[in-house]
C-alpha cells in the first residue's frame, strides 16, 4: 500500500470510529459512572419539617433517584438534572409527569443528560411519596 493509501485508510478508520462514538453518545457527553464525580448542580435548602409521607419520599428518593438526580434533588453533573428547578414546577411538570418518568422513562428534552430509563421496583405509592418529597423541597426553595 502506498503512503497515500495508508493515510486514506487511517482517515477512514478514524471517521468510522468518530461516527460510532457520536452514535453511541447521541452527541452528548457520556454520563460518569454512578458514584463517580457528579457535583451538585443546585444549592438546595431542605425543609426543617417533613410530613410522614414526605419523610418516606426522602428515603425512597435517596434509594432510587439520588444516583442521577443528586442528594435532595440537587442534580448531579454528568448524571441528571436538579428537580429543585423552575422547569419542574407543577405548572410545567405536573405530578403525573413524575409517575410517567418512573414507569416509562423519559426522552431527553430539557437537559443534555440523555434519556431517563424507567425506574424498576418503585410502586405508585413509592412515586407518590417521592413526588411529595420533591414538591416539599421545591416549596422550601421558592419554586412554587
N, C-alpha and C. Protein backbone atom coordinates (compact mmCIF):
# COMPACT_ATOMS: atom_id res chain seq x y z
N UNK A 1 0.85 -1.17 0.00
CA UNK A 1 0.00 0.00 0.00
C UNK A 1 0.90 1.23 0.00
N UNK A 2 0.52 2.22 -0.79
CA UNK A 2 1.30 3.45 -0.88
C UNK A 2 1.10 4.30 0.37
N UNK A 3 1.94 5.30 0.53
CA UNK A 3 1.81 6.23 1.66
C UNK A 3 0.46 6.92 1.66
N UNK A 4 0.01 7.32 0.46
CA UNK A 4 -1.29 7.99 0.34
C UNK A 4 -2.43 7.02 0.70
N UNK A 5 -2.31 5.78 0.30
CA UNK A 5 -3.33 4.77 0.61
C UNK A 5 -3.41 4.51 2.11
N UNK A 6 -2.24 4.47 2.78
CA UNK A 6 -2.22 4.27 4.23
C UNK A 6 -2.90 5.43 4.95
N UNK A 7 -2.65 6.65 4.51
CA UNK A 7 -3.27 7.83 5.12
C UNK A 7 -4.78 7.77 4.93
N UNK A 8 -5.21 7.43 3.70
CA UNK A 8 -6.66 7.33 3.44
C UNK A 8 -7.30 6.23 4.29
N UNK A 9 -6.64 5.11 4.44
CA UNK A 9 -7.17 4.02 5.27
C UNK A 9 -7.26 4.46 6.73
N UNK A 10 -6.24 5.14 7.20
CA UNK A 10 -6.25 5.63 8.58
C UNK A 10 -7.38 6.63 8.79
N UNK A 11 -7.58 7.54 7.85
CA UNK A 11 -8.67 8.52 7.93
C UNK A 11 -10.03 7.82 7.92
N UNK A 12 -10.17 6.78 7.13
CA UNK A 12 -11.44 6.04 7.08
C UNK A 12 -11.72 5.36 8.42
N UNK A 13 -10.69 4.77 9.00
CA UNK A 13 -10.85 4.13 10.31
C UNK A 13 -11.23 5.16 11.37
N UNK A 14 -10.55 6.31 11.35
CA UNK A 14 -10.88 7.38 12.29
C UNK A 14 -12.31 7.88 12.10
N UNK A 15 -12.74 8.05 10.87
CA UNK A 15 -14.09 8.54 10.59
C UNK A 15 -15.13 7.55 11.11
N UNK A 16 -14.92 6.27 10.89
CA UNK A 16 -15.85 5.25 11.39
C UNK A 16 -15.85 5.25 12.91
N UNK A 17 -14.70 5.38 13.52
CA UNK A 17 -14.63 5.42 14.98
C UNK A 17 -15.34 6.63 15.56
N UNK A 18 -15.13 7.79 14.97
CA UNK A 18 -15.80 9.01 15.44
C UNK A 18 -17.30 8.89 15.25
N UNK A 19 -17.74 8.39 14.10
CA UNK A 19 -19.17 8.22 13.86
C UNK A 19 -19.77 7.26 14.89
N UNK A 20 -19.07 6.19 15.20
CA UNK A 20 -19.55 5.24 16.20
C UNK A 20 -19.69 5.87 17.58
N UNK A 21 -18.69 6.67 17.96
CA UNK A 21 -18.74 7.34 19.26
C UNK A 21 -19.92 8.30 19.30
N UNK A 22 -20.10 9.10 18.26
CA UNK A 22 -21.22 10.05 18.23
C UNK A 22 -22.56 9.34 18.23
N UNK A 23 -22.66 8.25 17.52
CA UNK A 23 -23.91 7.48 17.51
C UNK A 23 -24.18 6.90 18.89
N UNK A 24 -23.17 6.33 19.50
CA UNK A 24 -23.33 5.75 20.84
C UNK A 24 -23.68 6.80 21.87
N UNK A 25 -23.03 7.96 21.79
CA UNK A 25 -23.22 9.02 22.77
C UNK A 25 -24.40 9.90 22.45
N UNK A 26 -24.96 9.84 21.28
CA UNK A 26 -26.04 10.73 20.91
C UNK A 26 -25.58 12.17 20.82
N UNK A 27 -24.27 12.38 20.61
CA UNK A 27 -23.75 13.73 20.51
C UNK A 27 -23.57 14.41 21.85
N UNK A 28 -23.81 13.73 22.94
CA UNK A 28 -23.72 14.32 24.27
C UNK A 28 -22.54 13.72 25.01
N UNK A 29 -22.11 14.42 26.02
CA UNK A 29 -21.06 13.88 26.87
C UNK A 29 -21.60 12.67 27.62
N UNK A 30 -20.84 11.58 27.70
CA UNK A 30 -21.33 10.40 28.39
C UNK A 30 -21.43 10.65 29.88
N UNK A 31 -22.46 10.06 30.53
CA UNK A 31 -22.54 10.23 31.97
C UNK A 31 -21.41 9.50 32.65
N UNK A 32 -20.99 10.01 33.78
CA UNK A 32 -19.95 9.33 34.53
C UNK A 32 -20.57 8.14 35.24
N UNK A 33 -19.75 7.23 35.65
CA UNK A 33 -20.24 6.04 36.35
C UNK A 33 -20.88 6.43 37.67
N UNK A 34 -21.92 5.69 38.10
CA UNK A 34 -22.54 6.00 39.38
C UNK A 34 -21.48 6.06 40.48
N UNK A 35 -21.58 7.10 41.29
CA UNK A 35 -20.63 7.26 42.38
C UNK A 35 -19.38 8.03 41.99
N UNK A 36 -19.19 8.26 40.68
CA UNK A 36 -18.01 8.98 40.24
C UNK A 36 -18.36 10.44 40.00
N UNK A 37 -17.58 11.34 40.56
CA UNK A 37 -17.81 12.76 40.31
C UNK A 37 -19.23 13.18 40.62
N UNK A 38 -19.81 13.93 39.71
CA UNK A 38 -21.21 14.28 39.85
C UNK A 38 -21.49 15.34 40.88
N UNK A 39 -20.80 16.48 40.81
CA UNK A 39 -21.04 17.56 41.76
C UNK A 39 -22.48 18.04 41.65
N UNK A 40 -23.03 18.51 42.75
CA UNK A 40 -24.40 19.04 42.76
C UNK A 40 -24.50 20.20 41.79
N UNK A 41 -25.66 20.30 41.13
CA UNK A 41 -25.88 21.36 40.15
C UNK A 41 -26.70 22.51 40.72
N UNK A 42 -27.27 22.33 41.89
CA UNK A 42 -28.09 23.37 42.51
C UNK A 42 -27.83 23.37 44.01
N UNK A 43 -28.03 24.51 44.61
CA UNK A 43 -27.97 24.61 46.06
C UNK A 43 -29.40 24.44 46.57
N UNK A 44 -29.61 23.45 47.42
CA UNK A 44 -30.97 23.13 47.86
C UNK A 44 -31.09 23.30 49.37
N UNK A 45 -32.07 24.08 49.75
CA UNK A 45 -32.40 24.25 51.16
C UNK A 45 -33.43 23.18 51.52
N UNK A 46 -33.15 22.39 52.54
CA UNK A 46 -34.02 21.29 52.95
C UNK A 46 -34.98 21.78 54.03
N UNK A 47 -36.27 21.46 53.90
CA UNK A 47 -37.23 21.87 54.94
C UNK A 47 -36.85 21.29 56.30
N UNK A 48 -37.10 22.06 57.35
CA UNK A 48 -36.80 21.57 58.70
C UNK A 48 -37.83 20.53 59.14
N UNK A 49 -39.03 20.61 58.59
CA UNK A 49 -40.09 19.64 58.92
C UNK A 49 -40.65 19.03 57.65
N UNK A 50 -40.80 17.73 57.69
CA UNK A 50 -41.43 17.00 56.59
C UNK A 50 -42.57 16.18 57.17
N UNK A 51 -43.63 16.03 56.40
CA UNK A 51 -44.73 15.15 56.82
C UNK A 51 -44.23 13.70 56.77
N UNK A 52 -45.02 12.79 57.29
CA UNK A 52 -44.63 11.38 57.26
C UNK A 52 -44.45 10.89 55.82
N UNK A 53 -45.35 11.30 54.93
CA UNK A 53 -45.25 10.89 53.52
C UNK A 53 -44.00 11.50 52.89
N UNK A 54 -43.75 12.76 53.14
CA UNK A 54 -42.55 13.41 52.60
C UNK A 54 -41.28 12.77 53.14
N UNK A 55 -41.27 12.41 54.40
CA UNK A 55 -40.12 11.73 55.01
C UNK A 55 -39.89 10.37 54.34
N UNK A 56 -40.98 9.64 54.10
CA UNK A 56 -40.86 8.36 53.38
C UNK A 56 -40.31 8.61 51.97
N UNK A 57 -40.80 9.66 51.33
CA UNK A 57 -40.33 10.01 50.00
C UNK A 57 -38.85 10.36 49.99
N UNK A 58 -38.38 10.99 51.05
CA UNK A 58 -36.96 11.32 51.16
C UNK A 58 -36.11 10.05 51.09
N UNK A 59 -36.50 9.03 51.85
CA UNK A 59 -35.75 7.77 51.84
C UNK A 59 -35.85 7.06 50.49
N UNK A 60 -37.04 7.07 49.91
CA UNK A 60 -37.23 6.43 48.60
C UNK A 60 -36.46 7.17 47.51
N UNK A 61 -36.44 8.50 47.60
CA UNK A 61 -35.67 9.29 46.65
C UNK A 61 -34.19 8.94 46.76
N UNK A 62 -33.68 8.89 47.99
CA UNK A 62 -32.27 8.56 48.20
C UNK A 62 -31.93 7.19 47.62
N UNK A 63 -32.84 6.24 47.76
CA UNK A 63 -32.57 4.88 47.30
C UNK A 63 -32.75 4.70 45.80
N UNK A 64 -33.63 5.48 45.18
CA UNK A 64 -34.00 5.22 43.79
C UNK A 64 -33.67 6.33 42.80
N UNK A 65 -33.44 7.54 43.28
CA UNK A 65 -33.33 8.69 42.37
C UNK A 65 -32.03 9.47 42.51
N UNK A 66 -31.46 9.46 43.71
CA UNK A 66 -30.32 10.34 44.01
C UNK A 66 -29.07 10.00 43.20
N UNK A 67 -28.93 8.77 42.74
CA UNK A 67 -27.76 8.43 41.94
C UNK A 67 -27.64 9.35 40.74
N UNK A 68 -28.76 9.69 40.14
CA UNK A 68 -28.75 10.60 38.98
C UNK A 68 -29.15 12.02 39.35
N UNK A 69 -30.21 12.15 40.14
CA UNK A 69 -30.76 13.48 40.44
C UNK A 69 -30.14 14.14 41.66
N UNK A 70 -29.17 13.48 42.29
CA UNK A 70 -28.42 14.09 43.38
C UNK A 70 -29.12 14.05 44.72
N UNK A 71 -28.34 14.28 45.75
CA UNK A 71 -28.87 14.35 47.11
C UNK A 71 -29.83 15.53 47.17
N UNK A 72 -31.00 15.30 47.76
CA UNK A 72 -32.04 16.33 47.88
C UNK A 72 -32.42 16.95 46.54
N UNK A 73 -32.35 16.15 45.47
CA UNK A 73 -32.78 16.55 44.13
C UNK A 73 -32.01 17.74 43.58
N UNK A 74 -30.74 17.88 43.99
CA UNK A 74 -29.90 18.99 43.55
C UNK A 74 -29.25 18.74 42.19
N UNK A 75 -29.51 17.59 41.58
CA UNK A 75 -28.88 17.23 40.32
C UNK A 75 -27.46 16.75 40.54
N UNK A 76 -26.91 16.10 39.51
CA UNK A 76 -25.51 15.65 39.55
C UNK A 76 -24.88 15.91 38.21
N UNK A 77 -23.80 16.64 38.22
CA UNK A 77 -23.08 16.94 36.99
C UNK A 77 -22.73 15.64 36.27
N UNK A 78 -23.10 15.56 35.01
CA UNK A 78 -22.82 14.36 34.23
C UNK A 78 -23.79 13.23 34.45
N UNK A 79 -24.76 13.40 35.35
CA UNK A 79 -25.69 12.31 35.67
C UNK A 79 -27.14 12.66 35.38
N UNK A 80 -27.65 13.72 36.01
CA UNK A 80 -29.06 14.06 35.85
C UNK A 80 -29.36 15.45 36.38
N UNK A 81 -30.48 15.99 35.94
CA UNK A 81 -30.82 17.37 36.29
C UNK A 81 -31.33 17.53 37.72
N UNK A 82 -31.24 18.75 38.23
CA UNK A 82 -31.84 19.05 39.52
C UNK A 82 -33.36 19.10 39.36
N UNK A 83 -34.08 18.48 40.28
CA UNK A 83 -35.54 18.56 40.26
C UNK A 83 -36.03 19.76 41.05
N UNK A 84 -35.12 20.35 41.82
CA UNK A 84 -35.42 21.61 42.51
C UNK A 84 -34.99 22.70 41.52
N UNK A 85 -35.86 22.89 40.55
CA UNK A 85 -35.60 23.81 39.45
C UNK A 85 -36.94 24.24 38.89
N UNK A 86 -37.03 25.45 38.42
CA UNK A 86 -38.29 26.02 37.91
C UNK A 86 -38.91 25.16 36.81
N UNK A 87 -38.10 24.48 36.02
CA UNK A 87 -38.63 23.62 34.95
C UNK A 87 -39.58 22.56 35.52
N UNK A 88 -39.34 22.12 36.75
CA UNK A 88 -40.13 21.03 37.32
C UNK A 88 -41.27 21.52 38.21
N UNK A 89 -41.58 22.82 38.17
CA UNK A 89 -42.72 23.30 38.96
C UNK A 89 -44.00 22.65 38.42
N UNK A 90 -45.01 22.51 39.26
CA UNK A 90 -46.23 21.79 38.87
C UNK A 90 -46.92 22.34 37.62
N UNK A 91 -46.80 23.63 37.33
CA UNK A 91 -47.46 24.17 36.14
C UNK A 91 -46.76 23.73 34.85
N UNK A 92 -45.53 23.26 34.95
CA UNK A 92 -44.81 22.79 33.76
C UNK A 92 -44.68 21.27 33.75
N UNK A 93 -44.36 20.68 34.88
CA UNK A 93 -44.29 19.21 35.03
C UNK A 93 -45.21 18.83 36.19
N UNK A 94 -46.43 18.51 35.86
CA UNK A 94 -47.39 18.09 36.88
C UNK A 94 -46.93 16.79 37.52
N UNK A 95 -47.55 16.44 38.63
CA UNK A 95 -47.17 15.21 39.34
C UNK A 95 -47.20 13.99 38.43
N UNK A 96 -48.15 13.95 37.52
CA UNK A 96 -48.25 12.82 36.60
C UNK A 96 -47.01 12.62 35.76
N UNK A 97 -46.28 13.68 35.47
CA UNK A 97 -45.05 13.55 34.70
C UNK A 97 -44.01 12.72 35.45
N UNK A 98 -43.98 12.86 36.77
CA UNK A 98 -43.06 12.07 37.59
C UNK A 98 -43.45 10.59 37.58
N UNK A 99 -44.76 10.32 37.62
CA UNK A 99 -45.24 8.93 37.56
C UNK A 99 -44.86 8.31 36.22
N UNK A 100 -45.08 9.04 35.14
CA UNK A 100 -44.71 8.52 33.82
C UNK A 100 -43.21 8.32 33.70
N UNK A 101 -42.43 9.24 34.21
CA UNK A 101 -40.97 9.11 34.14
C UNK A 101 -40.51 7.85 34.86
N UNK A 102 -41.05 7.61 36.04
CA UNK A 102 -40.63 6.44 36.83
C UNK A 102 -41.04 5.14 36.16
N UNK A 103 -42.23 5.10 35.55
CA UNK A 103 -42.72 3.84 34.99
C UNK A 103 -42.32 3.62 33.53
N UNK A 104 -42.21 4.69 32.76
CA UNK A 104 -41.93 4.55 31.33
C UNK A 104 -40.60 5.11 30.89
N UNK A 105 -39.99 5.92 31.75
CA UNK A 105 -38.79 6.62 31.34
C UNK A 105 -39.17 7.90 30.61
N UNK A 106 -38.16 8.68 30.23
CA UNK A 106 -38.40 9.97 29.58
C UNK A 106 -37.33 10.19 28.52
N UNK A 107 -37.76 10.69 27.37
CA UNK A 107 -36.78 11.10 26.36
C UNK A 107 -36.18 12.43 26.78
N UNK A 108 -34.93 12.61 26.49
CA UNK A 108 -34.25 13.87 26.79
C UNK A 108 -35.01 15.01 26.14
N UNK A 109 -35.30 16.06 26.91
CA UNK A 109 -35.98 17.19 26.29
C UNK A 109 -35.55 18.55 26.84
N UNK A 110 -35.27 18.70 28.10
CA UNK A 110 -34.83 19.99 28.63
C UNK A 110 -33.32 20.05 28.86
N UNK A 111 -32.72 18.93 29.13
CA UNK A 111 -31.33 18.87 29.55
C UNK A 111 -30.53 18.00 28.59
N UNK A 112 -29.24 17.96 28.78
CA UNK A 112 -28.36 17.16 27.90
C UNK A 112 -27.78 15.96 28.63
N UNK A 113 -28.59 15.33 29.47
CA UNK A 113 -28.12 14.15 30.20
C UNK A 113 -28.47 12.85 29.50
N UNK A 114 -29.20 12.91 28.42
CA UNK A 114 -29.66 11.72 27.74
C UNK A 114 -31.02 11.30 28.26
N UNK A 115 -31.54 10.21 27.70
CA UNK A 115 -32.84 9.71 28.11
C UNK A 115 -32.79 9.13 29.51
N UNK A 116 -33.91 9.24 30.22
CA UNK A 116 -34.04 8.62 31.54
C UNK A 116 -34.72 7.27 31.36
N UNK A 117 -34.12 6.23 31.88
CA UNK A 117 -34.72 4.90 31.83
C UNK A 117 -35.80 4.79 32.90
N UNK A 118 -36.76 3.87 32.72
CA UNK A 118 -37.72 3.62 33.80
C UNK A 118 -36.99 3.17 35.06
N UNK A 119 -37.62 3.39 36.20
CA UNK A 119 -37.02 3.01 37.48
C UNK A 119 -37.70 1.72 37.94
N UNK A 120 -37.01 0.60 37.87
CA UNK A 120 -37.63 -0.67 38.26
C UNK A 120 -37.85 -0.75 39.77
N UNK A 121 -38.94 -1.40 40.14
CA UNK A 121 -39.15 -1.72 41.55
C UNK A 121 -39.83 -0.64 42.38
N UNK A 122 -40.19 0.50 41.79
CA UNK A 122 -40.90 1.51 42.57
C UNK A 122 -42.39 1.41 42.28
N UNK A 123 -43.17 1.39 43.33
CA UNK A 123 -44.63 1.29 43.18
C UNK A 123 -45.22 2.68 42.98
N UNK A 124 -46.50 2.73 42.65
CA UNK A 124 -47.19 4.01 42.52
C UNK A 124 -47.20 4.74 43.87
N UNK A 125 -47.33 3.99 44.95
CA UNK A 125 -47.28 4.59 46.29
C UNK A 125 -45.91 5.18 46.56
N UNK A 126 -44.86 4.47 46.15
CA UNK A 126 -43.49 4.99 46.30
C UNK A 126 -43.33 6.29 45.52
N UNK A 127 -43.79 6.31 44.28
CA UNK A 127 -43.64 7.51 43.45
C UNK A 127 -44.42 8.67 44.06
N UNK A 128 -45.60 8.39 44.60
CA UNK A 128 -46.40 9.46 45.23
C UNK A 128 -45.62 10.08 46.39
N UNK A 129 -44.95 9.25 47.17
CA UNK A 129 -44.15 9.77 48.29
C UNK A 129 -42.94 10.54 47.79
N UNK A 130 -42.31 10.06 46.74
CA UNK A 130 -41.17 10.75 46.16
C UNK A 130 -41.60 12.12 45.63
N UNK A 131 -42.73 12.17 44.96
CA UNK A 131 -43.24 13.44 44.43
C UNK A 131 -43.55 14.39 45.58
N UNK A 132 -44.15 13.88 46.65
CA UNK A 132 -44.44 14.73 47.82
C UNK A 132 -43.15 15.32 48.38
N UNK A 133 -42.10 14.52 48.44
CA UNK A 133 -40.80 15.00 48.93
C UNK A 133 -40.21 16.06 48.00
N UNK A 134 -40.22 15.80 46.69
CA UNK A 134 -39.69 16.75 45.73
C UNK A 134 -40.47 18.06 45.79
N UNK A 135 -41.79 17.98 45.90
CA UNK A 135 -42.60 19.20 45.99
C UNK A 135 -42.30 19.97 47.28
N UNK A 136 -42.04 19.25 48.38
CA UNK A 136 -41.66 19.93 49.64
C UNK A 136 -40.33 20.67 49.46
N UNK A 137 -39.38 20.03 48.79
CA UNK A 137 -38.10 20.69 48.51
C UNK A 137 -38.31 21.92 47.62
N UNK A 138 -39.14 21.78 46.61
CA UNK A 138 -39.40 22.89 45.71
C UNK A 138 -40.04 24.07 46.45
N UNK A 139 -41.03 23.78 47.29
CA UNK A 139 -41.68 24.86 48.05
C UNK A 139 -40.68 25.58 48.93
N UNK A 140 -39.83 24.80 49.62
CA UNK A 140 -38.83 25.39 50.51
C UNK A 140 -37.85 26.29 49.75
N UNK A 141 -37.66 25.99 48.48
CA UNK A 141 -36.70 26.74 47.67
C UNK A 141 -37.36 27.74 46.72
N UNK A 142 -38.64 28.04 46.98
CA UNK A 142 -39.34 29.08 46.23
C UNK A 142 -39.67 28.74 44.80
N UNK A 143 -39.71 27.46 44.47
CA UNK A 143 -40.02 27.06 43.09
C UNK A 143 -41.50 27.33 42.76
N UNK A 144 -42.38 27.11 43.75
CA UNK A 144 -43.81 27.44 43.56
C UNK A 144 -44.42 27.80 44.87
